Amino acid sequence: LQVGGGKAWISSVSKVAVAGTTIDIPLAHKDELYIRSHYDAVTFSVPDAPRPDELLICVAVASGPRVHQRVGGKSVADLKAGV
């Protein structure tokens, strides 16, 4: 699978916490940060990680916009049109 593009900065979060803490990873469009239909987050936890000598690195990717998104702003059509 090839994603391609990736012109926008990557949304991220840093958190210092104990094992099992809930983590929210923000999502956004890969080519334009301000396309609001792609604003979302993935929430999860790993009950036994990280251990004291470990670093937990998590990545989240979505295949499209939010289902039934209701926010305005720039759209994917605007991006393709060069607006």
PDB file of N, CA and C in Angstrom:
ATOM      1  N   LEU A   1       0.846  -1.179   0.000  1.00  0.00           N
ATOM      2  CA  LEU A   1       0.000   0.000   0.000  1.00  0.00           C
ATOM      3  C   LEU A   1       0.886   1.234   0.000  1.00  0.00           C
ATOM      4  N   GLN A   2       0.659   2.112  -0.935  1.00  0.00           N
ATOM      5  CA  GLN A   2       1.407   3.360  -1.007  1.00  0.00           C
ATOM      6  C   GLN A   2       0.458   4.512  -0.719  1.00  0.00           C
ATOM      7  N   VAL A   3       0.836   5.379   0.217  1.00  0.00           N
ATOM      8  CA  VAL A   3      -0.019   6.487   0.610  1.00  0.00           C
ATOM      9  C   VAL A   3       0.160   7.678  -0.321  1.00  0.00           C
ATOM     10  N   GLY A   4       1.380   8.049  -0.617  1.00  0.00           N
ATOM     11  CA  GLY A   4       1.645   9.190  -1.480  1.00  0.00           C
ATOM     12  C   GLY A   4       1.359  10.516  -0.808  1.00  0.00           C
ATOM     13  N   GLY A   5       1.790  11.600  -1.420  1.00  0.00           N
ATOM     14  CA  GLY A   5       1.526  12.934  -0.874  1.00  0.00           C
ATOM     15  C   GLY A   5       2.220  13.153   0.444  1.00  0.00           C
ATOM     16  N   GLY A   6       1.507  13.711   1.378  1.00  0.00           N
ATOM     17  CA  GLY A   6       2.070  13.971   2.698  1.00  0.00           C
ATOM     18  C   GLY A   6       2.684  15.343   2.816  1.00  0.00           C
ATOM     19  N   LYS A   7       2.032  16.355   2.244  1.00  0.00           N
ATOM     20  CA  LYS A   7       2.580  17.709   2.254  1.00  0.00           C
ATOM     21  C   LYS A   7       2.303  18.462   3.548  1.00  0.00           C
ATOM     22  N   ALA A   8       1.301  18.029   4.325  1.00  0.00           N
ATOM     23  CA  ALA A   8       0.966  18.710   5.578  1.00  0.00           C
ATOM     24  C   ALA A   8       1.835  18.179   6.703  1.00  0.00           C
ATOM     25  N   TRP A   9       1.974  18.968   7.776  1.00  0.00           N
ATOM     26  CA  TRP A   9       2.725  18.483   8.928  1.00  0.00           C
ATOM     27  C   TRP A   9       1.924  17.398   9.613  1.00  0.00           C
ATOM     28  N   ILE A  10       2.600  16.506  10.274  1.00  0.00           N
ATOM     29  CA  ILE A  10       1.967  15.359  10.910  1.00  0.00           C
ATOM     30  C   ILE A  10       1.490  15.731  12.309  1.00  0.00           C
ATOM     31  N   SER A  11       0.210  15.513  12.574  1.00  0.00           N
ATOM     32  CA  SER A  11      -0.329  15.754  13.913  1.00  0.00           C
ATOM     33  C   SER A  11       0.342  14.802  14.885  1.00  0.00           C
ATOM     34  N   SER A  12       0.584  15.268  16.103  1.00  0.00           N
ATOM     35  CA  SER A  12       1.240  14.397  17.075  1.00  0.00           C
ATOM     36  C   SER A  12       0.894  14.821  18.489  1.00  0.00           C
ATOM     37  N   VAL A  13       1.252  13.985  19.422  1.00  0.00           N
ATOM     38  CA  VAL A  13       1.051  14.259  20.827  1.00  0.00           C
ATOM     39  C   VAL A  13       2.172  13.577  21.599  1.00  0.00           C
ATOM     40  N   SER A  14       2.575  14.174  22.678  1.00  0.00           N
ATOM     41  CA  SER A  14       3.570  13.576  23.571  1.00  0.00           C
ATOM     42  C   SER A  14       2.936  13.446  24.943  1.00  0.00           C
ATOM     43  N   LYS A  15       3.241  12.365  25.618  1.00  0.00           N
ATOM     44  CA  LYS A  15       2.655  12.157  26.934  1.00  0.00           C
ATOM     45  C   LYS A  15       3.631  11.369  27.787  1.00  0.00           C
ATOM     46  N   VAL A  16       3.870  11.836  28.991  1.00  0.00           N
ATOM     47  CA  VAL A  16       4.677  11.106  29.965  1.00  0.00           C
ATOM     48  C   VAL A  16       3.708  10.577  31.001  1.00  0.00           C
ATOM     49  N   ALA A  17       3.641   9.245  31.141  1.00  0.00           N
ATOM     50  CA  ALA A  17       2.659   8.646  32.042  1.00  0.00           C
ATOM     51  C   ALA A  17       3.047   7.207  32.362  1.00  0.00           C
ATOM     52  N   VAL A  18       2.275   6.595  33.219  1.00  0.00           N
ATOM     53  CA  VAL A  18       2.520   5.201  33.600  1.00  0.00           C
ATOM     54  C   VAL A  18       1.902   4.255  32.573  1.00  0.00           C
ATOM     55  N   ALA A  19       2.298   2.994  32.625  1.00  0.00           N
ATOM     56  CA  ALA A  19       1.742   1.981  31.732  1.00  0.00           C
ATOM     57  C   ALA A  19       0.232   1.938  31.865  1.00  0.00           C
ATOM     58  N   GLY A  20      -0.458   1.774  30.740  1.00  0.00           N
ATOM     59  CA  GLY A  20      -1.901   1.688  30.743  1.00  0.00           C
ATOM     60  C   GLY A  20      -2.630   3.006  30.612  1.00  0.00           C
ATOM     61  N   THR A  21      -1.910   4.117  30.599  1.00  0.00           N
ATOM     62  CA  THR A  21      -2.539   5.426  30.458  1.00  0.00           C
ATOM     63  C   THR A  21      -3.178   5.546  29.074  1.00  0.00           C
ATOM     64  N   THR A  22      -4.346   6.155  29.013  1.00  0.00           N
ATOM     65  CA  THR A  22      -5.035   6.357  27.740  1.00  0.00           C
ATOM     66  C   THR A  22      -4.279   7.385  26.902  1.00  0.00           C
ATOM     67  N   ILE A  23      -4.137   7.086  25.612  1.00  0.00           N
ATOM     68  CA  ILE A  23      -3.428   7.962  24.674  1.00  0.00           C
ATOM     69  C   ILE A  23      -4.399   8.344  23.559  1.00  0.00           C
ATOM     70  N   ASP A  24      -4.450   9.624  23.205  1.00  0.00           N
ATOM     71  CA  ASP A  24      -5.258  10.111  22.087  1.00  0.00           C
ATOM     72  C   ASP A  24      -4.309  10.565  20.988  1.00  0.00           C
ATOM     73  N   ILE A  25      -4.400   9.928  19.815  1.00  0.00           N
ATOM     74  CA  ILE A  25      -3.566  10.325  18.676  1.00  0.00           C
ATOM     75  C   ILE A  25      -4.439  11.119  17.708  1.00  0.00           C
ATOM     76  N   PRO A  26      -4.118  12.401  17.481  1.00  0.00           N
ATOM     77  CA  PRO A  26      -4.921  13.209  16.559  1.00  0.00           C
ATOM     78  C   PRO A  26      -4.683  12.808  15.101  1.00  0.00           C
ATOM     79  N   LEU A  27      -5.726  12.939  14.296  1.00  0.00           N
ATOM     80  CA  LEU A  27      -5.638  12.646  12.867  1.00  0.00           C
ATOM     81  C   LEU A  27      -5.951  13.913  12.076  1.00  0.00           C
ATOM     82  N   ALA A  28      -5.378  14.029  10.890  1.00  0.00           N
ATOM     83  CA  ALA A  28      -5.640  15.152   9.991  1.00  0.00           C
ATOM     84  C   ALA A  28      -5.375  14.683   8.561  1.00  0.00           C
ATOM     85  N   HIS A  29      -5.779  15.481   7.581  1.00  0.00           N
ATOM     86  CA  HIS A  29      -5.528  15.148   6.168  1.00  0.00           C
ATOM     87  C   HIS A  29      -4.030  15.197   5.906  1.00  0.00           C
ATOM     88  N   LYS A  30      -3.530  14.290   5.104  1.00  0.00           N
ATOM     89  CA  LYS A  30      -2.085  14.178   4.873  1.00  0.00           C
ATOM     90  C   LYS A  30      -1.495  15.303   4.026  1.00  0.00           C
ATOM     91  N   ASP A  31      -2.325  15.972   3.224  1.00  0.00           N
ATOM     92  CA  ASP A  31      -1.802  17.010   2.336  1.00  0.00           C
ATOM     93  C   ASP A  31      -2.196  18.436   2.727  1.00  0.00           C
ATOM     94  N   GLU A  32      -3.151  18.591   3.627  1.00  0.00           N
ATOM     95  CA  GLU A  32      -3.600  19.922   4.030  1.00  0.00           C
ATOM     96  C   GLU A  32      -4.170  19.842   5.438  1.00  0.00           C
ATOM     97  N   LEU A  33      -3.539  20.499   6.368  1.00  0.00           N
ATOM     98  CA  LEU A  33      -3.943  20.428   7.767  1.00  0.00           C
ATOM     99  C   LEU A  33      -5.355  20.954   8.001  1.00  0.00           C
ATOM    100  N   TYR A  34      -5.799  21.951   7.250  1.00  0.00           N
ATOM    101  CA  TYR A  34      -7.051  22.635   7.544  1.00  0.00           C
ATOM    102  C   TYR A  34      -8.290  22.041   6.866  1.00  0.00           C
ATOM    103  N   ILE A  35      -8.225  20.814   6.405  1.00  0.00           N
ATOM    104  CA  ILE A  35      -9.414  20.128   5.895  1.00  0.00           C
ATOM    105  C   ILE A  35     -10.088  19.473   7.090  1.00  0.00           C
ATOM    106  N   ARG A  36     -11.139  20.116   7.600  1.00  0.00           N
ATOM    107  CA  ARG A  36     -11.730  19.714   8.874  1.00  0.00           C
ATOM    108  C   ARG A  36     -12.449  18.376   8.838  1.00  0.00           C
ATOM    109  N   SER A  37     -12.866  17.914   7.662  1.00  0.00           N
ATOM    110  CA  SER A  37     -13.553  16.619   7.589  1.00  0.00           C
ATOM    111  C   SER A  37     -12.650  15.480   8.055  1.00  0.00           C
ATOM    112  N   HIS A  38     -11.359  15.715   8.091  1.00  0.00           N
ATOM    113  CA  HIS A  38     -10.404  14.684   8.494  1.00  0.00           C
ATOM    114  C   HIS A  38      -9.927  14.842   9.939  1.00  0.00           C
ATOM    115  N   TYR A  39     -10.443  15.845  10.662  1.00  0.00           N
ATOM    116  CA  TYR A  39     -10.087  15.997  12.077  1.00  0.00           C
ATOM    117  C   TYR A  39     -10.727  14.863  12.866  1.00  0.00           C
ATOM    118  N   ASP A  40      -9.946  14.097  13.561  1.00  0.00           N
ATOM    119  CA  ASP A  40     -10.453  13.010  14.393  1.00  0.00           C
ATOM    120  C   ASP A  40      -9.333  12.585  15.324  1.00  0.00           C
ATOM    121  N   ALA A  41      -9.557  11.538  16.074  1.00  0.00           N
ATOM    122  CA  ALA A  41      -8.529  11.015  16.971  1.00  0.00           C
ATOM    123  C   ALA A  41      -8.757   9.523  17.182  1.00  0.00           C
ATOM    124  N   VAL A  42      -7.696   8.832  17.468  1.00  0.00           N
ATOM    125  CA  VAL A  42      -7.742   7.420  17.833  1.00  0.00           C
ATOM    126  C   VAL A  42      -7.335   7.357  19.296  1.00  0.00           C
ATOM    127  N   THR A  43      -8.174   6.738  20.136  1.00  0.00           N
ATOM    128  CA  THR A  43      -7.905   6.615  21.563  1.00  0.00           C
ATOM    129  C   THR A  43      -7.648   5.158  21.901  1.00  0.00           C
ATOM    130  N   PHE A  44      -6.587   4.896  22.640  1.00  0.00           N
ATOM    131  CA  PHE A  44      -6.279   3.524  23.035  1.00  0.00           C
ATOM    132  C   PHE A  44      -5.352   3.526  24.237  1.00  0.00           C
ATOM    133  N   SER A  45      -5.106   2.343  24.768  1.00  0.00           N
ATOM    134  CA  SER A  45      -4.127   2.187  25.844  1.00  0.00           C
ATOM    135  C   SER A  45      -3.475   0.819  25.710  1.00  0.00           C
ATOM    136  N   VAL A  46      -2.285   0.702  26.233  1.00  0.00           N
ATOM    137  CA  VAL A  46      -1.559  -0.571  26.261  1.00  0.00           C
ATOM    138  C   VAL A  46      -1.342  -0.886  27.739  1.00  0.00           C
ATOM    139  N   PRO A  47      -2.098  -1.836  28.292  1.00  0.00           N
ATOM    140  CA  PRO A  47      -2.088  -2.076  29.735  1.00  0.00           C
ATOM    141  C   PRO A  47      -0.708  -2.323  30.364  1.00  0.00           C
ATOM    142  N   ASP A  48       0.201  -2.970  29.627  1.00  0.00           N
ATOM    143  CA  ASP A  48       1.491  -3.309  30.235  1.00  0.00           C
ATOM    144  C   ASP A  48       2.676  -2.597  29.582  1.00  0.00           C
ATOM    145  N   ALA A  49       2.439  -1.478  28.939  1.00  0.00           N
ATOM    146  CA  ALA A  49       3.543  -0.778  28.283  1.00  0.00           C
ATOM    147  C   ALA A  49       3.379   0.726  28.440  1.00  0.00           C
ATOM    148  N   PRO A  50       4.454   1.456  28.436  1.00  0.00           N
ATOM    149  CA  PRO A  50       5.833   0.977  28.359  1.00  0.00           C
ATOM    150  C   PRO A  50       6.364   0.586  29.738  1.00  0.00           C
ATOM    151  N   ARG A  51       7.273  -0.352  29.714  1.00  0.00           N
ATOM    152  CA  ARG A  51       7.976  -0.730  30.943  1.00  0.00           C
ATOM    153  C   ARG A  51       9.041   0.331  31.209  1.00  0.00           C
ATOM    154  N   PRO A  52       9.653   0.335  32.398  1.00  0.00           N
ATOM    155  CA  PRO A  52      10.615   1.395  32.747  1.00  0.00           C
ATOM    156  C   PRO A  52      11.747   1.605  31.736  1.00  0.00           C
ATOM    157  N   ASP A  53      12.165   0.560  31.043  1.00  0.00           N
ATOM    158  CA  ASP A  53      13.271   0.699  30.089  1.00  0.00           C
ATOM    159  C   ASP A  53      12.780   0.719  28.635  1.00  0.00           C
ATOM    160  N   GLU A  54      11.499   1.036  28.417  1.00  0.00           N
ATOM    161  CA  GLU A  54      10.928   1.035  27.076  1.00  0.00           C
ATOM    162  C   GLU A  54      10.365   2.398  26.707  1.00  0.00           C
ATOM    163  N   LEU A  55      10.203   2.589  25.413  1.00  0.00           N
ATOM    164  CA  LEU A  55       9.556   3.763  24.849  1.00  0.00           C
ATOM    165  C   LEU A  55       8.445   3.243  23.950  1.00  0.00           C
ATOM    166  N   LEU A  56       7.224   3.707  24.135  1.00  0.00           N
ATOM    167  CA  LEU A  56       6.085   3.278  23.328  1.00  0.00           C
ATOM    168  C   LEU A  56       5.875   4.293  22.216  1.00  0.00           C
ATOM    169  N   ILE A  57       5.946   3.841  20.976  1.00  0.00           N
ATOM    170  CA  ILE A  57       5.719   4.698  19.815  1.00  0.00           C
ATOM    171  C   ILE A  57       4.480   4.175  19.105  1.00  0.00           C
ATOM    172  N   CYS A  58       3.503   5.057  18.889  1.00  0.00           N
ATOM    173  CA  CYS A  58       2.217   4.666  18.303  1.00  0.00           C
ATOM    174  C   CYS A  58       1.968   5.477  17.041  1.00  0.00           C
ATOM    175  N   VAL A  59       1.390   4.836  16.038  1.00  0.00           N
ATOM    176  CA  VAL A  59       1.062   5.511  14.784  1.00  0.00           C
ATOM    177  C   VAL A  59      -0.390   5.181  14.443  1.00  0.00           C
ATOM    178  N   ALA A  60      -1.152   6.173  14.008  1.00  0.00           N
ATOM    179  CA  ALA A  60      -2.537   5.962  13.591  1.00  0.00           C
ATOM    180  C   ALA A  60      -2.741   6.553  12.201  1.00  0.00           C
ATOM    181  N   VAL A  61      -3.422   5.816  11.344  1.00  0.00           N
ATOM    182  CA  VAL A  61      -3.700   6.248   9.982  1.00  0.00           C
ATOM    183  C   VAL A  61      -5.154   5.916   9.670  1.00  0.00           C
ATOM    184  N   ALA A  62      -5.850   6.804   8.981  1.00  0.00           N
ATOM    185  CA  ALA A  62      -7.224   6.555   8.566  1.00  0.00           C
ATOM    186  C   ALA A  62      -7.291   6.505   7.044  1.00  0.00           C
ATOM    187  N   SER A  63      -8.280   5.832   6.509  1.00  0.00           N
ATOM    188  CA  SER A  63      -8.406   5.699   5.059  1.00  0.00           C
ATOM    189  C   SER A  63      -9.312   6.760   4.434  1.00  0.00           C
ATOM    190  N   GLY A  64      -9.865   7.654   5.249  1.00  0.00           N
ATOM    191  CA  GLY A  64     -10.728   8.690   4.703  1.00  0.00           C
ATOM    192  C   GLY A  64     -11.211   9.628   5.785  1.00  0.00           C
ATOM    193  N   PRO A  65     -12.172  10.489   5.445  1.00  0.00           N
ATOM    194  CA  PRO A  65     -12.677  11.467   6.405  1.00  0.00           C
ATOM    195  C   PRO A  65     -13.583  10.832   7.455  1.00  0.00           C
ATOM    196  N   ARG A  66     -13.976  11.634   8.419  1.00  0.00           N
ATOM    197  CA  ARG A  66     -14.934  11.201   9.439  1.00  0.00           C
ATOM    198  C   ARG A  66     -16.245  10.813   8.777  1.00  0.00           C
ATOM    199  N   VAL A  67     -16.891   9.794   9.277  1.00  0.00           N
ATOM    200  CA  VAL A  67     -18.208   9.413   8.794  1.00  0.00           C
ATOM    201  C   VAL A  67     -19.202  10.460   9.283  1.00  0.00           C
ATOM    202  N   HIS A  68     -20.062  10.955   8.415  1.00  0.00           N
ATOM    203  CA  HIS A  68     -21.077  11.954   8.750  1.00  0.00           C
ATOM    204  C   HIS A  68     -20.466  13.229   9.334  1.00  0.00           C
ATOM    205  N   GLN A  69     -19.319  13.655   8.821  1.00  0.00           N
ATOM    206  CA  GLN A  69     -18.701  14.877   9.333  1.00  0.00           C
ATOM    207  C   GLN A  69     -19.615  16.066   9.069  1.00  0.00           C
ATOM    208  N   ARG A  70     -19.666  16.979  10.038  1.00  0.00           N
ATOM    209  CA  ARG A  70     -20.585  18.106   9.964  1.00  0.00           C
ATOM    210  C   ARG A  70     -19.881  19.450  10.136  1.00  0.00           C
ATOM    211  N   VAL A  71     -18.593  19.485   9.992  1.00  0.00           N
ATOM    212  CA  VAL A  71     -17.880  20.746  10.165  1.00  0.00           C
ATOM    213  C   VAL A  71     -17.635  21.396   8.812  1.00  0.00           C
ATOM    214  N   GLY A  72     -17.595  22.703   8.795  1.00  0.00           N
ATOM    215  CA  GLY A  72     -17.367  23.429   7.546  1.00  0.00           C
ATOM    216  C   GLY A  72     -15.887  23.574   7.266  1.00  0.00           C
ATOM    217  N   GLY A  73     -15.549  24.559   6.480  1.00  0.00           N
ATOM    218  CA  GLY A  73     -14.151  24.818   6.176  1.00  0.00           C
ATOM    219  C   GLY A  73     -13.726  24.228   4.852  1.00  0.00           C
ATOM    220  N   LYS A  74     -12.444  24.219   4.627  1.00  0.00           N
ATOM    221  CA  LYS A  74     -11.859  23.728   3.389  1.00  0.00           C
ATOM    222  C   LYS A  74     -12.180  22.246   3.204  1.00  0.00           C
ATOM    223  N   SER A  75     -12.452  21.834   1.971  1.00  0.00           N
ATOM    224  CA  SER A  75     -12.784  20.436   1.696  1.00  0.00           C
ATOM    225  C   SER A  75     -11.711  19.803   0.811  1.00  0.00           C
ATOM    226  N   VAL A  76     -11.797  18.499   0.658  1.00  0.00           N
ATOM    227  CA  VAL A  76     -10.869  17.782  -0.226  1.00  0.00           C
ATOM    228  C   VAL A  76     -11.044  18.285  -1.664  1.00  0.00           C
ATOM    229  N   ALA A  77     -12.282  18.620  -2.056  1.00  0.00           N
ATOM    230  CA  ALA A  77     -12.530  19.160  -3.394  1.00  0.00           C
ATOM    231  C   ALA A  77     -11.772  20.475  -3.583  1.00  0.00           C
ATOM    232  N   ASP A  78     -11.734  21.313  -2.550  1.00  0.00           N
ATOM    233  CA  ASP A  78     -10.972  22.565  -2.608  1.00  0.00           C
ATOM    234  C   ASP A  78      -9.488  22.288  -2.800  1.00  0.00           C
ATOM    235  N   LEU A  79      -8.993  21.278  -2.130  1.00  0.00           N
ATOM    236  CA  LEU A  79      -7.576  20.909  -2.236  1.00  0.00           C
ATOM    237  C   LEU A  79      -7.260  20.481  -3.671  1.00  0.00           C
ATOM    238  N   LYS A  80      -8.119  19.641  -4.241  1.00  0.00           N
ATOM    239  CA  LYS A  80      -7.902  19.162  -5.626  1.00  0.00           C
ATOM    240  C   LYS A  80      -8.033  20.273  -6.641  1.00  0.00           C
ATOM    241  N   ALA A  81      -8.860  21.280  -6.329  1.00  0.00           N
ATOM    242  CA  ALA A  81      -9.058  22.414  -7.232  1.00  0.00           C
ATOM    243  C   ALA A  81      -7.956  23.465  -7.078  1.00  0.00           C
ATOM    244  N   GLY A  82      -7.090  23.286  -6.070  1.00  0.00           N
ATOM    245  CA  GLY A  82      -6.010  24.243  -5.844  1.00  0.00           C
ATOM    246  C   GLY A  82      -6.448  25.500  -5.129  1.00  0.00           C
ATOM    247  N   VAL A  83      -7.575  25.442  -4.434  1.00  0.00           N
ATOM    248  CA  VAL A  83      -8.105  26.608  -3.698  1.00  0.00           C
ATOM    249  C   VAL A  83      -7.358  26.812  -2.414  1.00  0.00           C
TER     250      VAL A  83
END
